[in-house]
C-alpha atoms as a PDB file:
ATOM      1  CA  MET A   1     279.434-177.904  49.878  1.00  0.00           C
ATOM      2  CA  THR A   2     276.688-174.230  50.467  1.00  0.00           C
ATOM      3  CA  ARG A   3     273.285-174.279  49.671  1.00  0.00           C
ATOM      4  CA  ARG A   4     271.869-172.215  47.337  1.00  0.00           C
ATOM      5  CA  PRO A   5     269.429-169.610  47.946  1.00  0.00           C
ATOM      6  CA  LEU A   6     266.626-169.273  46.428  1.00  0.00           C
ATOM      7  CA  SER A   7     267.668-166.570  43.779  1.00  0.00           C
ATOM      8  CA  ALA A   8     269.563-169.138  42.183  1.00  0.00           C
ATOM      9  CA  LEU A   9     266.128-171.550  41.729  1.00  0.00           C
ATOM     10  CA  LEU A  10     263.917-169.388  40.889  1.00  0.00           C
ATOM     11  CA  LEU A  11     264.736-167.297  37.459  1.00  0.00           C
ATOM     12  CA  ILE A  12     263.941-163.800  37.089  1.00  0.00           C
ATOM     13  CA  GLY A  13     263.240-162.026  33.519  1.00  0.00           C
ATOM     14  CA  ALA A  14     264.554-162.998  29.916  1.00  0.00           C
ATOM     15  CA  ALA A  15     267.808-162.125  30.961  1.00  0.00           C
ATOM     16  CA  LEU A  16     268.706-164.758  33.327  1.00  0.00           C
ATOM     17  CA  THR A  17     266.008-167.464  31.730  1.00  0.00           C
ATOM     18  CA  GLY A  18     268.465-167.307  27.979  1.00  0.00           C
ATOM     19  CA  VAL A  19     264.805-167.699  26.206  1.00  0.00           C
ATOM     20  CA  ALA A  20     262.585-165.273  24.789  1.00  0.00           C
ATOM     21  CA  CYS A  21     259.584-164.439  26.174  1.00  0.00           C
ATOM     22  CA  ASP A  22     256.593-165.016  24.080  1.00  0.00           C
ATOM     23  CA  ARG A  23     253.314-164.437  26.195  1.00  0.00           C
ATOM     24  CA  MET A  24     250.855-167.460  26.154  1.00  0.00           C
ATOM     25  CA  GLN A  25     248.203-167.530  28.861  1.00  0.00           C
ATOM     26  CA  ALA A  26     247.583-170.717  30.430  1.00  0.00           C
ATOM     27  CA  PRO A  27     244.577-172.595  28.832  1.00  0.00           C
ATOM     28  CA  GLU A  28     241.061-171.911  29.823  1.00  0.00           C
ATOM     29  CA  GLY A  29     239.515-174.162  31.756  1.00  0.00           C
ATOM     30  CA  PRO A  30     235.679-175.697  31.046  1.00  0.00           C
ATOM     31  CA  ALA A  31     233.331-173.508  30.628  1.00  0.00           C
ATOM     32  CA  GLU A  32     231.520-174.734  33.865  1.00  0.00           C
ATOM     33  CA  GLY A  33     232.969-176.202  36.482  1.00  0.00           C
ATOM     34  CA  SER A  34     236.660-176.341  37.821  1.00  0.00           C
ATOM     35  CA  PRO A  35     239.264-177.342  35.051  1.00  0.00           C
ATOM     36  CA  ALA A  36     240.734-181.034  35.675  1.00  0.00           C
ATOM     37  CA  PRO A  37     243.383-181.702  38.232  1.00  0.00           C
ATOM     38  CA  ASP A  38     245.814-182.150  35.284  1.00  0.00           C
ATOM     39  CA  ASP A  39     244.792-178.766  33.389  1.00  0.00           C
ATOM     40  CA  PRO A  40     247.435-176.338  33.113  1.00  0.00           C
ATOM     41  CA  ALA A  41     244.209-173.884  34.298  1.00  0.00           C
ATOM     42  CA  ALA A  42     244.103-175.637  37.313  1.00  0.00           C
ATOM     43  CA  LEU A  43     248.399-175.043  37.589  1.00  0.00           C
ATOM     44  CA  LYS A  44     247.246-171.369  37.345  1.00  0.00           C
ATOM     45  CA  ALA A  45     244.753-171.226  40.078  1.00  0.00           C
ATOM     46  CA  LEU A  46     246.933-173.117  42.518  1.00  0.00           C
ATOM     47  CA  PHE A  47     249.679-170.395  41.871  1.00  0.00           C
ATOM     48  CA  GLU A  48     246.760-167.531  42.431  1.00  0.00           C
ATOM     49  CA  GLY A  49     246.318-169.251  45.780  1.00  0.00           C
ATOM     50  CA  VAL A  50     250.186-168.915  46.495  1.00  0.00           C
ATOM     51  CA  VAL A  51     249.416-164.600  45.531  1.00  0.00           C
ATOM     52  CA  GLN A  52     247.069-164.219  47.507  1.00  0.00           C
ATOM     53  CA  ALA A  53     249.041-165.799  50.771  1.00  0.00           C
ATOM     54  CA  ALA A  54     251.901-163.394  49.526  1.00  0.00           C
ATOM     55  CA  ARG A  55     249.719-160.541  49.777  1.00  0.00           C
ATOM     56  CA  GLN A  56     248.938-161.858  53.369  1.00  0.00           C
ATOM     57  CA  GLY A  57     251.921-160.333  54.382  1.00  0.00           C
ATOM     58  CA  GLY A  58     253.694-161.753  58.202  1.00  0.00           C
ATOM     59  CA  ASP A  59     256.573-163.875  57.822  1.00  0.00           C
ATOM     60  CA  GLY A  60     255.542-165.370  54.923  1.00  0.00           C
ATOM     61  CA  SER A  61     255.128-168.316  56.289  1.00  0.00           C
ATOM     62  CA  ALA A  62     251.569-168.683  54.527  1.00  0.00           C
ATOM     63  CA  VAL A  63     253.309-168.588  50.775  1.00  0.00           C
ATOM     64  CA  VAL A  64     255.950-171.474  52.107  1.00  0.00           C
ATOM     65  CA  ARG A  65     252.828-173.237  53.043  1.00  0.00           C
ATOM     66  CA  ALA A  66     251.054-172.992  49.957  1.00  0.00           C
ATOM     67  CA  LEU A  67     254.405-174.147  48.022  1.00  0.00           C
ATOM     68  CA  GLU A  68     255.061-176.877  50.169  1.00  0.00           C
ATOM     69  CA  PRO A  69     252.567-178.964  48.110  1.00  0.00           C
ATOM     70  CA  PHE A  70     254.560-178.715  45.257  1.00  0.00           C
ATOM     71  CA  LEU A  71     257.448-180.294  46.498  1.00  0.00           C
ATOM     72  CA  ALA A  72     258.307-183.723  44.773  1.00  0.00           C
ATOM     73  CA  THR A  73     258.532-187.237  46.663  1.00  0.00           C
ATOM     74  CA  ARG A  74     261.689-189.340  46.165  1.00  0.00           C
ATOM     75  CA  GLN A  75     258.995-191.533  44.467  1.00  0.00           C
ATOM     76  CA  ASP A  76     257.872-188.730  42.519  1.00  0.00           C
ATOM     77  CA  LEU A  77     261.550-188.487  41.026  1.00  0.00           C
ATOM     78  CA  ASP A  78     261.673-192.582  40.642  1.00  0.00           C
ATOM     79  CA  ALA A  79     258.441-192.240  38.541  1.00  0.00           C
ATOM     80  CA  LEU A  80     259.710-189.748  36.282  1.00  0.00           C
ATOM     81  CA  PHE A  81     262.726-190.705  35.752  1.00  0.00           C
ATOM     82  CA  GLY A  82     263.427-194.485  36.993  1.00  0.00           C
ATOM     83  CA  PRO A  83     264.860-195.360  39.719  1.00  0.00           C
ATOM     84  CA  GLU A  84     268.131-194.763  38.991  1.00  0.00           C
ATOM     85  CA  ILE A  85     268.025-191.202  37.948  1.00  0.00           C
ATOM     86  CA  GLY A  86     265.916-191.049  40.863  1.00  0.00           C
ATOM     87  CA  ALA A  87     267.840-191.845  43.367  1.00  0.00           C
ATOM     88  CA  ARG A  88     270.976-189.512  41.968  1.00  0.00           C
ATOM     89  CA  ALA A  89     267.916-186.528  41.387  1.00  0.00           C
ATOM     90  CA  TRP A  90     267.116-186.958  44.923  1.00  0.00           C
ATOM     91  CA  VAL A  91     270.324-186.021  46.783  1.00  0.00           C
ATOM     92  CA  GLY A  92     270.631-182.302  45.198  1.00  0.00           C
ATOM     93  CA  TYR A  93     266.637-181.614  44.833  1.00  0.00           C
ATOM     94  CA  SER A  94     265.909-182.636  48.669  1.00  0.00           C
ATOM     95  CA  ASP A  95     268.984-180.957  50.353  1.00  0.00           C
ATOM     96  CA  LYS A  96     269.738-177.898  48.118  1.00  0.00           C
ATOM     97  CA  VAL A  97     266.409-177.310  45.790  1.00  0.00           C
ATOM     98  CA  ALA A  98     263.794-178.393  48.747  1.00  0.00           C
ATOM     99  CA  ALA A  99     265.808-176.457  51.652  1.00  0.00           C
ATOM    100  CA  ALA A 100     266.505-173.545  49.306  1.00  0.00           C
ATOM    101  CA  LEU A 101     262.634-173.486  48.375  1.00  0.00           C
ATOM    102  CA  ARG A 102     261.095-173.974  51.854  1.00  0.00           C
ATOM    103  CA  GLU A 103     263.444-171.679  54.011  1.00  0.00           C
ATOM    104  CA  ASP A 104     263.860-168.689  51.252  1.00  0.00           C
ATOM    105  CA  ALA A 105     260.493-168.229  49.110  1.00  0.00           C
ATOM    106  CA  GLY A 106     258.602-166.352  52.696  1.00  0.00           C
ATOM    107  CA  ALA A 107     260.530-163.740  51.484  1.00  0.00           C
ATOM    108  CA  VAL A 108     261.138-163.688  47.553  1.00  0.00           C
ATOM    109  CA  VAL A 109     257.529-164.523  46.202  1.00  0.00           C
ATOM    110  CA  PRO A 110     256.088-161.714  48.705  1.00  0.00           C
ATOM    111  CA  ALA A 111     258.549-159.358  47.403  1.00  0.00           C
ATOM    112  CA  GLN A 112     258.263-159.852  43.865  1.00  0.00           C
ATOM    113  CA  VAL A 113     254.251-159.621  44.696  1.00  0.00           C
ATOM    114  CA  ARG A 114     254.983-156.063  46.563  1.00  0.00           C
ATOM    115  CA  ALA A 115     256.502-154.843  43.373  1.00  0.00           C
ATOM    116  CA  GLY A 116     253.250-155.477  41.587  1.00  0.00           C
ATOM    117  CA  ARG A 117     253.970-159.120  39.686  1.00  0.00           C
ATOM    118  CA  THR A 118     250.662-160.395  40.628  1.00  0.00           C
ATOM    119  CA  GLU A 119     249.813-162.094  36.970  1.00  0.00           C
ATOM    120  CA  VAL A 120     250.321-165.778  37.091  1.00  0.00           C
ATOM    121  CA  TRP A 121     251.388-167.051  33.477  1.00  0.00           C
ATOM    122  CA  VAL A 122     251.352-170.883  33.026  1.00  0.00           C
ATOM    123  CA  GLU A 123     253.312-171.970  29.352  1.00  0.00           C
ATOM    124  CA  GLN A 124     254.319-175.458  28.174  1.00  0.00           C
ATOM    125  CA  VAL A 125     258.165-175.922  27.135  1.00  0.00           C
ATOM    126  CA  GLY A 126     259.466-178.803  25.140  1.00  0.00           C
ATOM    127  CA  PRO A 127     260.517-178.702  21.850  1.00  0.00           C
ATOM    128  CA  ALA A 128     257.799-177.413  20.371  1.00  0.00           C
ATOM    129  CA  PHE A 129     258.030-174.195  21.729  1.00  0.00           C
ATOM    130  CA  PRO A 130     262.035-173.512  21.408  1.00  0.00           C
ATOM    131  CA  ASP A 131     261.728-169.461  22.464  1.00  0.00           C
ATOM    132  CA  ARG A 132     260.638-170.323  25.752  1.00  0.00           C
ATOM    133  CA  THR A 133     262.368-173.683  26.582  1.00  0.00           C
ATOM    134  CA  THR A 134     265.730-173.378  28.658  1.00  0.00           C
ATOM    135  CA  ALA A 135     268.609-175.962  28.604  1.00  0.00           C
ATOM    136  CA  GLY A 136     267.198-177.055  32.057  1.00  0.00           C
ATOM    137  CA  ASP A 137     263.721-177.827  30.664  1.00  0.00           C
ATOM    138  CA  GLN A 138     265.078-179.919  28.246  1.00  0.00           C
ATOM    139  CA  ALA A 139     267.479-182.378  30.306  1.00  0.00           C
ATOM    140  CA  ILE A 140     264.483-182.718  32.486  1.00  0.00           C
ATOM    141  CA  LEU A 141     262.146-183.745  29.503  1.00  0.00           C
ATOM    142  CA  ASP A 142     265.010-185.877  28.228  1.00  0.00           C
ATOM    143  CA  ALA A 143     265.223-187.932  31.370  1.00  0.00           C
ATOM    144  CA  MET A 144     262.065-188.678  31.667  1.00  0.00           C
ATOM    145  CA  HIS A 145     260.294-192.061  31.110  1.00  0.00           C
ATOM    146  CA  PRO A 146     257.744-191.825  29.613  1.00  0.00           C
ATOM    147  CA  LYS A 147     257.056-188.398  28.760  1.00  0.00           C
ATOM    148  CA  ARG A 148     255.212-186.390  30.508  1.00  0.00           C
ATOM    149  CA  PRO A 149     254.001-182.474  29.468  1.00  0.00           C
ATOM    150  CA  LEU A 150     256.188-179.630  31.252  1.00  0.00           C
ATOM    151  CA  TYR A 151     255.765-176.022  32.262  1.00  0.00           C
ATOM    152  CA  THR A 152     256.698-173.231  33.587  1.00  0.00           C
ATOM    153  CA  VAL A 153     255.052-170.752  35.896  1.00  0.00           C
ATOM    154  CA  ARG A 154     255.551-166.736  35.812  1.00  0.00           C
ATOM    155  CA  LEU A 155     254.799-163.932  38.175  1.00  0.00           C
ATOM    156  CA  GLN A 156     254.443-160.626  36.167  1.00  0.00           C
ATOM    157  CA  ARG A 157     253.214-157.661  36.119  1.00  0.00           C
ATOM    158  CA  PRO A 158     250.217-156.686  33.979  1.00  0.00           C
ATOM    159  CA  GLY A 159     251.505-156.148  30.341  1.00  0.00           C
ATOM    160  CA  GLU A 160     255.265-157.088  31.556  1.00  0.00           C
ATOM    161  CA  LYS A 161     257.424-159.685  29.424  1.00  0.00           C
ATOM    162  CA  LEU A 162     259.336-160.743  31.847  1.00  0.00           C
ATOM    163  CA  GLY A 163     259.109-161.665  35.683  1.00  0.00           C
ATOM    164  CA  LEU A 164     259.343-163.967  38.380  1.00  0.00           C
ATOM    165  CA  ARG A 165     260.385-168.025  36.483  1.00  0.00           C
ATOM    166  CA  LEU A 166     259.782-170.973  38.233  1.00  0.00           C
ATOM    167  CA  ASN A 167     260.986-174.469  36.625  1.00  0.00           C
ATOM    168  CA  GLY A 168     259.686-177.708  35.998  1.00  0.00           C
ATOM    169  CA  PHE A 169     255.992-178.168  37.007  1.00  0.00           C
ATOM    170  CA  VAL A 170     254.871-181.419  35.633  1.00  0.00           C
ATOM    171  CA  PHE A 171     251.220-183.300  36.895  1.00  0.00           C
ATOM    172  CA  LEU A 172     251.927-186.709  38.642  1.00  0.00           C
ATOM    173  CA  ASN A 173     250.049-188.868  41.160  1.00  0.00           C
ATOM    174  CA  GLY A 174     247.431-186.745  40.827  1.00  0.00           C
ATOM    175  CA  ARG A 175     249.062-183.645  41.751  1.00  0.00           C
ATOM    176  CA  TRP A 176     251.471-181.190  40.448  1.00  0.00           C
ATOM    177  CA  ARG A 177     255.138-180.927  41.607  1.00  0.00           C
ATOM    178  CA  ALA A 178     257.550-178.312  41.020  1.00  0.00           C
ATOM    179  CA  LEU A 179     260.856-179.324  39.932  1.00  0.00           C
ATOM    180  CA  LEU A 180     262.693-176.418  39.909  1.00  0.00           C
ATOM    181  CA  LYS A 181     266.415-177.057  39.470  1.00  0.00           C
ATOM    182  CA  ALA A 182     266.593-180.905  39.707  1.00  0.00           C
ATOM    183  CA  TYR A 183     268.180-180.617  36.438  1.00  0.00           C
ATOM    184  CA  ASP A 184     271.218-180.004  38.002  1.00  0.00           C
ATOM    185  CA  TYR A 185     271.399-183.498  39.318  1.00  0.00           C
ATOM    186  CA  LEU A 186     269.986-185.586  36.994  1.00  0.00           C
ATOM    187  CA  ALA A 187     273.607-186.157  35.347  1.00  0.00           C
ATOM    188  CA  GLU A 188     275.741-189.171  36.716  1.00  0.00           C
ATOM    189  CA  PRO A 189     278.780-186.751  38.284  1.00  0.00           C
ATOM    190  CA  PRO A 190     282.366-187.340  36.249  1.00  0.00           C
ATOM    191  CA  ALA A 191     284.699-189.627  37.316  1.00  0.00           C
ATOM    192  CA  PRO A 192     287.153-187.987  39.367  1.00  0.00           C
ATOM    193  CA  ASP A 193     290.846-187.517  37.317  1.00  0.00           C
ATOM    194  CA  ALA A 194     292.890-190.761  37.580  1.00  0.00           C
ATOM    195  CA  GLU A 195     295.631-190.657  40.148  1.00  0.00           C
ATOM    196  CA  PRO A 196     298.895-189.188  39.094  1.00  0.00           C
ATOM    197  CA  SER A 197     301.601-191.978  38.675  1.00  0.00           C
ATOM    198  CA  PRO A 198     304.403-191.667  40.595  1.00  0.00           C
ATOM    199  CA  PRO A 199     307.464-190.085  39.590  1.00  0.00           C
ATOM    200  CA  ASP A 200     310.173-191.845  38.373  1.00  0.00           C
ATOM    201  CA  ALA A 201     312.578-193.369  40.845  1.00  0.00           C
ATOM    202  CA  THR A 202     315.694-193.046  38.848  1.00  0.00           C
ATOM    203  CA  VAL A 203     318.236-190.613  38.590  1.00  0.00           C
ATOM    204  CA  PRO A 204     318.763-189.522  35.275  1.00  0.00           C
ATOM    205  CA  ALA A 205     322.211-190.552  33.859  1.00  0.00           C
ATOM    206  CA  ASP A 206     323.215-186.754  33.715  1.00  0.00           C
ATOM    207  CA  ALA A 207     322.045-186.080  36.951  1.00  0.00           C
ATOM    208  CA  HIS A 208     325.222-185.132  38.511  1.00  0.00           C
ATOM    209  CA  ARG A 209     327.197-183.516  35.681  1.00  0.00           C
END
């Protein structure tokens, strides 16, 4: 099966996400000191580091290194969805989602930064935010047990409402993880069609008339 390129995992603009893009900046952290690790402001700060890595140029390896800690582990998926769904999701996530991020992010993210998309916006998604929640976001939320807040990260130009949208950020086991398009692998695959019945070997009575 052909691996999807990163462009299929990172959604660019409202036309691709199928949602309206009401802007909402990441909540402010505490006035003094750093935000708590699970605060969305901490996620925003981490992605500002990704933008800084993209500005370094080179072969994009700094971007991949900056994004690598966001990749979920098998244990993370089990904790989010339970062992049955976690095992199913892990196959697609590790073989397709994580592999595409590692291979393509070093080109895709710097290209977006060079195009001026250097502002980082963090938005919570879910039933309370229907205008910014995709079907994939909702599928992840529906499969979670117990429920946890879910966020998207967007890189955009100053004043822009569109941008490079990355799906499925959740704080788990002390760090932020990116599920991206893991929702494609949550559902049990459909059962294969039943074998067709063999043709009736009986020769019709009028076959030789």
